[in-house]
Amino acid sequence: MQTNIDLSRRLTRALPLTLVALLAACSLPPSMRPSSPADGTPTAPPTAKPPPPAADGVKTSYATDPRSYRRDAATHLYSLNTGRIFVGKLPPLLYAVGVMQVELDGRGHVRHFSWLRAPKHAPEVMAEIERTVRRAAPFPAPARLGKVTYTETWLWDKSGRFQLDTLTEGQRSEL
């Protein structure tokens, strides 16, 4: 009995360390990390003029990676769907959660999207998310990226309103 309790305590203590290790493994791959000289001192990023704004009045994103672009895309989606955004903390039980990957060209037009986690129990939600993404084009032009593929999690309430994980206000903990 004592051995099981000790093992349980060790596992409980090891969990935070495991999570930290997993998060560290999610860092940029070596090919994308900024280079530094052999002595280990970081180099300053090259200074360049920001790209000119996109033509046709399309907004421009100056994000340097897909994760940063995700915030610009979420803000764009919110601005076009103000009446459909769930304001405040979401309830503990959501009607649907979907994870979608969206590929955009250099002008912010949707080239392709696919479901990484589709809310198949709610086909009407899947269809509405797909319509919402298509109608939102053009997204901010990814000026520094040329084109971009980003992932977003859609948190859908039974009222038909939603939040995006990037801009979520969280969930209430009580049932």
C-alpha atoms as a PDB file:
ATOM      1  CA  MET A   1       0.000   0.000   0.000  1.00  0.00           C
ATOM      2  CA  GLN A   2       2.797   2.427   0.946  1.00  0.00           C
ATOM      3  CA  THR A   3       4.608   1.642  -2.325  1.00  0.00           C
ATOM      4  CA  ASN A   4       1.547   2.634  -4.375  1.00  0.00           C
ATOM      5  CA  ILE A   5       1.281   5.938  -2.503  1.00  0.00           C
ATOM      6  CA  ASP A   6       5.009   6.677  -3.040  1.00  0.00           C
ATOM      7  CA  LEU A   7       4.702   5.837  -6.729  1.00  0.00           C
ATOM      8  CA  SER A   8       1.630   8.064  -7.019  1.00  0.00           C
ATOM      9  CA  ARG A   9       3.482  10.961  -5.371  1.00  0.00           C
ATOM     10  CA  ARG A  10       6.478  10.520  -7.665  1.00  0.00           C
ATOM     11  CA  LEU A  11       4.259  10.503 -10.735  1.00  0.00           C
ATOM     12  CA  THR A  12       2.411  13.602  -9.502  1.00  0.00           C
ATOM     13  CA  ARG A  13       5.730  15.409  -9.008  1.00  0.00           C
ATOM     14  CA  ALA A  14       7.034  14.271 -12.391  1.00  0.00           C
ATOM     15  CA  LEU A  15       3.996  15.533 -14.316  1.00  0.00           C
ATOM     16  CA  PRO A  16       4.971  19.245 -14.307  1.00  0.00           C
ATOM     17  CA  LEU A  17       8.494  18.364 -15.441  1.00  0.00           C
ATOM     18  CA  THR A  18       7.098  16.227 -18.226  1.00  0.00           C
ATOM     19  CA  LEU A  19       4.866  19.082 -19.387  1.00  0.00           C
ATOM     20  CA  VAL A  20       7.816  21.509 -19.383  1.00  0.00           C
ATOM     21  CA  ALA A  21       9.848  19.036 -21.445  1.00  0.00           C
ATOM     22  CA  LEU A  22       7.001  18.643 -23.942  1.00  0.00           C
ATOM     23  CA  LEU A  23       6.610  22.403 -24.290  1.00  0.00           C
ATOM     24  CA  ALA A  24      10.360  22.808 -24.808  1.00  0.00           C
ATOM     25  CA  ALA A  25      10.194  20.215 -27.575  1.00  0.00           C
ATOM     26  CA  CYS A  26       7.658  22.431 -29.354  1.00  0.00           C
ATOM     27  CA  SER A  27      10.192  25.211 -29.888  1.00  0.00           C
ATOM     28  CA  LEU A  28      11.413  26.261 -33.309  1.00  0.00           C
ATOM     29  CA  PRO A  29      13.386  23.661 -35.234  1.00  0.00           C
ATOM     30  CA  PRO A  30      17.114  24.431 -35.597  1.00  0.00           C
ATOM     31  CA  SER A  31      16.649  25.503 -39.230  1.00  0.00           C
ATOM     32  CA  MET A  32      14.245  28.276 -38.161  1.00  0.00           C
ATOM     33  CA  ARG A  33      16.141  29.527 -35.095  1.00  0.00           C
ATOM     34  CA  PRO A  34      17.977  32.832 -35.416  1.00  0.00           C
ATOM     35  CA  SER A  35      21.654  32.244 -36.006  1.00  0.00           C
ATOM     36  CA  SER A  36      24.304  33.538 -33.623  1.00  0.00           C
ATOM     37  CA  PRO A  37      28.078  33.737 -33.906  1.00  0.00           C
ATOM     38  CA  ALA A  38      30.341  30.983 -32.577  1.00  0.00           C
ATOM     39  CA  ASP A  39      30.895  32.857 -29.294  1.00  0.00           C
ATOM     40  CA  GLY A  40      27.179  32.511 -28.496  1.00  0.00           C
ATOM     41  CA  THR A  41      26.289  36.197 -28.520  1.00  0.00           C
ATOM     42  CA  PRO A  42      22.990  36.786 -30.291  1.00  0.00           C
ATOM     43  CA  THR A  43      23.033  38.714 -33.520  1.00  0.00           C
ATOM     44  CA  ALA A  44      20.681  41.578 -34.154  1.00  0.00           C
ATOM     45  CA  PRO A  45      17.948  40.790 -36.653  1.00  0.00           C
ATOM     46  CA  PRO A  46      18.523  42.390 -40.029  1.00  0.00           C
ATOM     47  CA  THR A  47      16.691  45.651 -40.417  1.00  0.00           C
ATOM     48  CA  ALA A  48      14.590  45.895 -43.501  1.00  0.00           C
ATOM     49  CA  LYS A  49      11.841  48.142 -44.672  1.00  0.00           C
ATOM     50  CA  PRO A  50       8.438  46.605 -44.014  1.00  0.00           C
ATOM     51  CA  PRO A  51       6.747  45.422 -47.173  1.00  0.00           C
ATOM     52  CA  PRO A  52       4.315  47.847 -48.757  1.00  0.00           C
ATOM     53  CA  PRO A  53       0.617  47.444 -47.945  1.00  0.00           C
ATOM     54  CA  ALA A  54      -1.274  45.066 -50.183  1.00  0.00           C
ATOM     55  CA  ALA A  55      -3.207  46.459 -53.110  1.00  0.00           C
ATOM     56  CA  ASP A  56      -7.008  46.562 -53.250  1.00  0.00           C
ATOM     57  CA  GLY A  57      -7.314  47.886 -49.666  1.00  0.00           C
ATOM     58  CA  VAL A  58      -6.619  44.434 -48.238  1.00  0.00           C
ATOM     59  CA  LYS A  59      -5.125  44.533 -44.758  1.00  0.00           C
ATOM     60  CA  THR A  60      -1.529  43.443 -44.387  1.00  0.00           C
ATOM     61  CA  SER A  61      -0.048  41.203 -41.722  1.00  0.00           C
ATOM     62  CA  TYR A  62       3.604  41.647 -40.842  1.00  0.00           C
ATOM     63  CA  ALA A  63       3.702  38.400 -38.853  1.00  0.00           C
ATOM     64  CA  THR A  64       6.948  36.494 -39.159  1.00  0.00           C
ATOM     65  CA  ASP A  65       5.598  33.008 -38.430  1.00  0.00           C
ATOM     66  CA  PRO A  66       2.286  31.126 -38.683  1.00  0.00           C
ATOM     67  CA  ARG A  67       1.656  31.381 -34.930  1.00  0.00           C
ATOM     68  CA  SER A  68       1.863  35.189 -35.055  1.00  0.00           C
ATOM     69  CA  TYR A  69      -0.254  35.269 -38.188  1.00  0.00           C
ATOM     70  CA  ARG A  70      -2.922  33.253 -36.391  1.00  0.00           C
ATOM     71  CA  ARG A  71      -3.644  36.266 -34.133  1.00  0.00           C
ATOM     72  CA  ASP A  72      -4.066  38.550 -37.160  1.00  0.00           C
ATOM     73  CA  ALA A  73      -6.413  36.040 -38.814  1.00  0.00           C
ATOM     74  CA  ALA A  74      -8.467  35.610 -35.631  1.00  0.00           C
ATOM     75  CA  THR A  75      -8.791  39.379 -35.221  1.00  0.00           C
ATOM     76  CA  HIS A  76      -9.898  39.597 -38.855  1.00  0.00           C
ATOM     77  CA  LEU A  77     -12.536  36.877 -38.334  1.00  0.00           C
ATOM     78  CA  TYR A  78     -13.809  38.585 -35.159  1.00  0.00           C
ATOM     79  CA  SER A  79     -14.103  41.951 -36.935  1.00  0.00           C
ATOM     80  CA  LEU A  80     -16.320  40.387 -39.613  1.00  0.00           C
ATOM     81  CA  ASN A  81     -18.465  38.414 -37.145  1.00  0.00           C
ATOM     82  CA  THR A  82     -18.967  40.754 -34.191  1.00  0.00           C
ATOM     83  CA  GLY A  83     -22.570  39.652 -33.558  1.00  0.00           C
ATOM     84  CA  ARG A  84     -21.617  35.977 -33.611  1.00  0.00           C
ATOM     85  CA  ILE A  85     -18.812  36.092 -31.041  1.00  0.00           C
ATOM     86  CA  PHE A  86     -19.581  34.606 -27.622  1.00  0.00           C
ATOM     87  CA  VAL A  87     -18.733  37.382 -25.161  1.00  0.00           C
ATOM     88  CA  GLY A  88     -17.300  36.345 -21.793  1.00  0.00           C
ATOM     89  CA  LYS A  89     -16.247  32.967 -20.495  1.00  0.00           C
ATOM     90  CA  LEU A  90     -17.669  30.014 -22.357  1.00  0.00           C
ATOM     91  CA  PRO A  91     -19.779  27.455 -20.472  1.00  0.00           C
ATOM     92  CA  PRO A  92     -17.973  24.312 -19.309  1.00  0.00           C
ATOM     93  CA  LEU A  93     -19.694  22.099 -21.875  1.00  0.00           C
ATOM     94  CA  LEU A  94     -19.393  23.279 -25.458  1.00  0.00           C
ATOM     95  CA  TYR A  95     -21.628  22.098 -28.257  1.00  0.00           C
ATOM     96  CA  ALA A  96     -18.713  21.604 -30.665  1.00  0.00           C
ATOM     97  CA  VAL A  97     -14.956  22.020 -30.880  1.00  0.00           C
ATOM     98  CA  GLY A  98     -13.253  21.940 -34.252  1.00  0.00           C
ATOM     99  CA  VAL A  99      -9.635  22.316 -35.276  1.00  0.00           C
ATOM    100  CA  MET A 100      -9.083  23.602 -38.795  1.00  0.00           C
ATOM    101  CA  GLN A 101      -5.933  24.222 -40.801  1.00  0.00           C
ATOM    102  CA  VAL A 102      -6.187  27.078 -43.308  1.00  0.00           C
ATOM    103  CA  GLU A 103      -3.776  27.694 -46.180  1.00  0.00           C
ATOM    104  CA  LEU A 104      -3.672  31.235 -47.596  1.00  0.00           C
ATOM    105  CA  ASP A 105      -1.834  32.627 -50.591  1.00  0.00           C
ATOM    106  CA  GLY A 106       0.264  35.796 -50.499  1.00  0.00           C
ATOM    107  CA  ARG A 107      -2.811  37.988 -51.027  1.00  0.00           C
ATOM    108  CA  GLY A 108      -4.796  36.432 -48.167  1.00  0.00           C
ATOM    109  CA  HIS A 109      -7.085  34.291 -50.318  1.00  0.00           C
ATOM    110  CA  VAL A 110      -8.023  30.839 -49.048  1.00  0.00           C
ATOM    111  CA  ARG A 111      -6.248  28.190 -51.101  1.00  0.00           C
ATOM    112  CA  HIS A 112      -7.245  25.186 -49.023  1.00  0.00           C
ATOM    113  CA  PHE A 113      -8.552  24.232 -45.611  1.00  0.00           C
ATOM    114  CA  SER A 114      -8.845  20.926 -43.866  1.00  0.00           C
ATOM    115  CA  TRP A 115     -10.159  19.596 -40.607  1.00  0.00           C
ATOM    116  CA  LEU A 116      -7.623  18.279 -38.116  1.00  0.00           C
ATOM    117  CA  ARG A 117     -10.427  17.599 -35.644  1.00  0.00           C
ATOM    118  CA  ALA A 118     -13.870  17.804 -37.158  1.00  0.00           C
ATOM    119  CA  PRO A 119     -16.990  18.125 -34.980  1.00  0.00           C
ATOM    120  CA  LYS A 120     -18.721  15.365 -36.948  1.00  0.00           C
ATOM    121  CA  HIS A 121     -21.566  15.164 -34.433  1.00  0.00           C
ATOM    122  CA  ALA A 122     -22.499  18.704 -35.546  1.00  0.00           C
ATOM    123  CA  PRO A 123     -22.331  18.817 -39.363  1.00  0.00           C
ATOM    124  CA  GLU A 124     -24.200  22.130 -39.366  1.00  0.00           C
ATOM    125  CA  VAL A 125     -21.362  23.663 -37.307  1.00  0.00           C
ATOM    126  CA  MET A 126     -18.749  22.266 -39.698  1.00  0.00           C
ATOM    127  CA  ALA A 127     -20.609  23.772 -42.653  1.00  0.00           C
ATOM    128  CA  GLU A 128     -21.013  27.140 -40.905  1.00  0.00           C
ATOM    129  CA  ILE A 129     -17.312  27.338 -39.981  1.00  0.00           C
ATOM    130  CA  GLU A 130     -16.354  26.528 -43.583  1.00  0.00           C
ATOM    131  CA  ARG A 131     -18.736  29.244 -44.882  1.00  0.00           C
ATOM    132  CA  THR A 132     -17.368  31.729 -42.341  1.00  0.00           C
ATOM    133  CA  VAL A 133     -13.770  31.085 -43.410  1.00  0.00           C
ATOM    134  CA  ARG A 134     -14.629  31.408 -47.122  1.00  0.00           C
ATOM    135  CA  ARG A 135     -16.624  34.635 -46.580  1.00  0.00           C
ATOM    136  CA  ALA A 136     -13.775  36.160 -44.546  1.00  0.00           C
ATOM    137  CA  ALA A 137     -11.407  36.126 -47.536  1.00  0.00           C
ATOM    138  CA  PRO A 138      -9.303  37.942 -48.255  1.00  0.00           C
ATOM    139  CA  PHE A 139      -7.560  37.621 -44.910  1.00  0.00           C
ATOM    140  CA  PRO A 140      -4.715  40.015 -44.076  1.00  0.00           C
ATOM    141  CA  ALA A 141      -2.010  39.477 -46.700  1.00  0.00           C
ATOM    142  CA  PRO A 142       0.954  37.636 -45.098  1.00  0.00           C
ATOM    143  CA  ALA A 143       3.533  40.127 -46.409  1.00  0.00           C
ATOM    144  CA  ARG A 144       6.608  38.668 -44.695  1.00  0.00           C
ATOM    145  CA  LEU A 145       5.604  35.047 -45.139  1.00  0.00           C
ATOM    146  CA  GLY A 146       4.555  35.101 -48.788  1.00  0.00           C
ATOM    147  CA  LYS A 147       1.905  32.495 -48.036  1.00  0.00           C
ATOM    148  CA  VAL A 148       0.879  30.902 -44.758  1.00  0.00           C
ATOM    149  CA  THR A 149      -0.777  27.827 -43.326  1.00  0.00           C
ATOM    150  CA  TYR A 150      -2.114  28.290 -39.816  1.00  0.00           C
ATOM    151  CA  THR A 151      -4.245  26.247 -37.436  1.00  0.00           C
ATOM    152  CA  GLU A 152      -7.222  27.520 -35.426  1.00  0.00           C
ATOM    153  CA  THR A 153      -9.484  25.903 -32.874  1.00  0.00           C
ATOM    154  CA  TRP A 154     -13.153  26.887 -33.035  1.00  0.00           C
ATOM    155  CA  LEU A 155     -15.063  26.763 -29.727  1.00  0.00           C
ATOM    156  CA  TRP A 156     -18.781  26.602 -30.533  1.00  0.00           C
ATOM    157  CA  ASP A 157     -21.566  27.244 -28.031  1.00  0.00           C
ATOM    158  CA  LYS A 158     -25.058  25.747 -28.400  1.00  0.00           C
ATOM    159  CA  SER A 159     -26.357  29.314 -28.953  1.00  0.00           C
ATOM    160  CA  GLY A 160     -24.559  29.354 -32.314  1.00  0.00           C
ATOM    161  CA  ARG A 161     -21.970  31.862 -31.123  1.00  0.00           C
ATOM    162  CA  PHE A 162     -18.279  31.027 -31.019  1.00  0.00           C
ATOM    163  CA  GLN A 163     -14.826  31.997 -29.861  1.00  0.00           C
ATOM    164  CA  LEU A 164     -11.517  31.190 -31.449  1.00  0.00           C
ATOM    165  CA  ASP A 165      -8.897  29.624 -29.219  1.00  0.00           C
ATOM    166  CA  THR A 166      -6.449  32.381 -30.158  1.00  0.00           C
ATOM    167  CA  LEU A 167      -8.702  35.069 -28.640  1.00  0.00           C
ATOM    168  CA  THR A 168     -10.753  33.024 -26.170  1.00  0.00           C
ATOM    169  CA  GLU A 169     -11.820  34.440 -22.838  1.00  0.00           C
ATOM    170  CA  GLY A 170     -11.652  30.928 -21.355  1.00  0.00           C
ATOM    171  CA  GLN A 171     -14.328  28.710 -19.868  1.00  0.00           C
ATOM    172  CA  ARG A 172     -16.277  28.786 -16.632  1.00  0.00           C
ATOM    173  CA  SER A 173     -15.313  25.906 -14.377  1.00  0.00           C
ATOM    174  CA  GLU A 174     -18.701  25.209 -12.757  1.00  0.00           C
ATOM    175  CA  LEU A 175     -21.256  22.890 -14.327  1.00  0.00           C
END
